[in-house]
C-alpha atoms as a PDB file:
ATOM      1  CA  MET A   1     235.180  61.944-136.398  1.00  0.00           C
ATOM      2  CA  ASN A   2     236.624  65.490-137.268  1.00  0.00           C
ATOM      3  CA  LEU A   3     238.782  67.318-134.891  1.00  0.00           C
ATOM      4  CA  ARG A   4     239.232  71.271-134.934  1.00  0.00           C
ATOM      5  CA  VAL A   5     240.482  73.369-132.681  1.00  0.00           C
ATOM      6  CA  LEU A   6     238.687  77.203-131.693  1.00  0.00           C
ATOM      7  CA  PRO A   7     241.330  79.463-131.073  1.00  0.00           C
ATOM      8  CA  PHE A   8     241.087  82.311-128.706  1.00  0.00           C
ATOM      9  CA  SER A   9     241.286  84.778-131.656  1.00  0.00           C
ATOM     10  CA  ALA A  10     237.857  83.375-132.592  1.00  0.00           C
ATOM     11  CA  GLY A  11     236.267  85.323-129.660  1.00  0.00           C
ATOM     12  CA  ALA A  12     233.818  84.098-127.258  1.00  0.00           C
ATOM     13  CA  HIS A  13     232.667  80.762-127.508  1.00  0.00           C
ATOM     14  CA  THR A  14     229.009  80.809-128.776  1.00  0.00           C
ATOM     15  CA  SER A  15     228.467  78.077-126.654  1.00  0.00           C
ATOM     16  CA  PRO A  16     229.448  79.091-123.095  1.00  0.00           C
ATOM     17  CA  THR A  17     227.480  76.232-121.257  1.00  0.00           C
ATOM     18  CA  GLY A  18     230.054  73.784-122.738  1.00  0.00           C
ATOM     19  CA  ALA A  19     229.733  70.486-124.960  1.00  0.00           C
ATOM     20  CA  PHE A  20     226.626  69.508-126.687  1.00  0.00           C
ATOM     21  CA  LYS A  21     226.135  66.959-129.600  1.00  0.00           C
ATOM     22  CA  TYR A  22     224.035  67.486-132.460  1.00  0.00           C
ATOM     23  CA  TYR A  23     222.598  64.294-134.107  1.00  0.00           C
ATOM     24  CA  VAL A  24     221.247  64.420-137.362  1.00  0.00           C
ATOM     25  CA  MET A  25     218.173  61.977-137.726  1.00  0.00           C
ATOM     26  CA  ALA A  26     217.089  60.135-140.795  1.00  0.00           C
ATOM     27  CA  ASP A  27     213.322  60.433-141.494  1.00  0.00           C
ATOM     28  CA  PRO A  28     210.796  60.359-140.296  1.00  0.00           C
ATOM     29  CA  TYR A  29     213.037  61.203-136.879  1.00  0.00           C
ATOM     30  CA  PRO A  30     213.491  64.705-135.428  1.00  0.00           C
ATOM     31  CA  ASP A  31     217.087  66.091-135.479  1.00  0.00           C
ATOM     32  CA  LEU A  32     218.185  65.961-131.705  1.00  0.00           C
ATOM     33  CA  VAL A  33     220.704  67.990-129.462  1.00  0.00           C
ATOM     34  CA  TYR A  34     221.959  66.599-126.173  1.00  0.00           C
ATOM     35  CA  ALA A  35     224.288  68.922-123.645  1.00  0.00           C
ATOM     36  CA  GLU A  36     225.245  68.229-120.403  1.00  0.00           C
ATOM     37  CA  THR A  37     224.616  71.499-117.944  1.00  0.00           C
ATOM     38  CA  PRO A  38     225.151  71.889-114.285  1.00  0.00           C
ATOM     39  CA  LYS A  39     221.745  70.684-113.726  1.00  0.00           C
ATOM     40  CA  GLY A  40     221.860  67.633-115.924  1.00  0.00           C
ATOM     41  CA  ALA A  41     221.209  66.211-119.248  1.00  0.00           C
ATOM     42  CA  VAL A  42     218.765  68.402-121.901  1.00  0.00           C
ATOM     43  CA  TYR A  43     217.486  67.057-124.664  1.00  0.00           C
ATOM     44  CA  ILE A  44     216.336  69.341-127.458  1.00  0.00           C
ATOM     45  CA  GLU A  45     214.350  68.078-130.612  1.00  0.00           C
ATOM     46  CA  GLU A  46     213.062  70.438-133.568  1.00  0.00           C
ATOM     47  CA  PRO A  47     212.408  73.232-134.102  1.00  0.00           C
ATOM     48  CA  ASP A  48     214.118  74.147-130.882  1.00  0.00           C
ATOM     49  CA  SER A  49     217.200  72.263-132.077  1.00  0.00           C
ATOM     50  CA  GLU A  50     217.943  74.320-135.231  1.00  0.00           C
ATOM     51  CA  ARG A  51     218.978  77.396-133.119  1.00  0.00           C
ATOM     52  CA  VAL A  52     221.750  75.090-131.592  1.00  0.00           C
ATOM     53  CA  ALA A  53     222.666  73.867-135.646  1.00  0.00           C
ATOM     54  CA  ARG A  54     222.847  77.283-136.542  1.00  0.00           C
ATOM     55  CA  LEU A  55     225.380  77.792-133.460  1.00  0.00           C
ATOM     56  CA  TYR A  56     227.242  75.006-134.284  1.00  0.00           C
ATOM     57  CA  ASP A  57     227.790  76.331-137.877  1.00  0.00           C
ATOM     58  CA  ARG A  58     228.950  79.637-136.287  1.00  0.00           C
ATOM     59  CA  LEU A  59     231.555  77.510-134.066  1.00  0.00           C
ATOM     60  CA  TRP A  60     232.626  75.149-137.300  1.00  0.00           C
ATOM     61  CA  GLU A  61     233.312  78.580-139.137  1.00  0.00           C
ATOM     62  CA  LYS A  62     235.575  79.941-136.436  1.00  0.00           C
ATOM     63  CA  SER A  63     237.413  77.047-135.776  1.00  0.00           C
ATOM     64  CA  LEU A  64     240.540  75.911-137.532  1.00  0.00           C
ATOM     65  CA  PRO A  65     240.578  73.683-140.283  1.00  0.00           C
ATOM     66  CA  GLU A  66     240.984  69.898-139.475  1.00  0.00           C
ATOM     67  CA  THR A  67     244.835  70.105-140.766  1.00  0.00           C
ATOM     68  CA  ALA A  68     245.605  73.075-138.827  1.00  0.00           C
ATOM     69  CA  SER A  69     244.397  71.935-135.451  1.00  0.00           C
ATOM     70  CA  VAL A  70     246.331  68.503-135.794  1.00  0.00           C
ATOM     71  CA  GLU A  71     249.233  71.043-136.267  1.00  0.00           C
ATOM     72  CA  PHE A  72     248.251  73.328-133.176  1.00  0.00           C
ATOM     73  CA  ILE A  73     248.164  70.188-130.949  1.00  0.00           C
ATOM     74  CA  SER A  74     251.043  68.702-132.086  1.00  0.00           C
ATOM     75  CA  ALA A  75     253.125  72.154-131.826  1.00  0.00           C
ATOM     76  CA  LEU A  76     251.742  72.873-128.387  1.00  0.00           C
ATOM     77  CA  SER A  77     252.339  69.095-127.099  1.00  0.00           C
ATOM     78  CA  GLU A  78     256.117  69.861-128.125  1.00  0.00           C
ATOM     79  CA  GLU A  79     255.880  72.686-125.939  1.00  0.00           C
ATOM     80  CA  LEU A  80     255.258  70.474-122.665  1.00  0.00           C
ATOM     81  CA  PRO A  81     257.541  69.319-120.240  1.00  0.00           C
END
């Protein structure tokens, strides 16, 4: 598991509907995306999952590296009462 923070300075979140899970499957199974929406769960398979893969890559690129993310969270926790 990787933990990365997407700072406000990165701009608008490219997934405004919320969190999603992207599963890279071994052949012969298609990659799969799972997302929770206000109307329920959504499952997306290839080739439509490729759009979500690109969205994930953009989020990853804009997020802080793992070490910086942990430091950011630690600093915030010290500010809590």
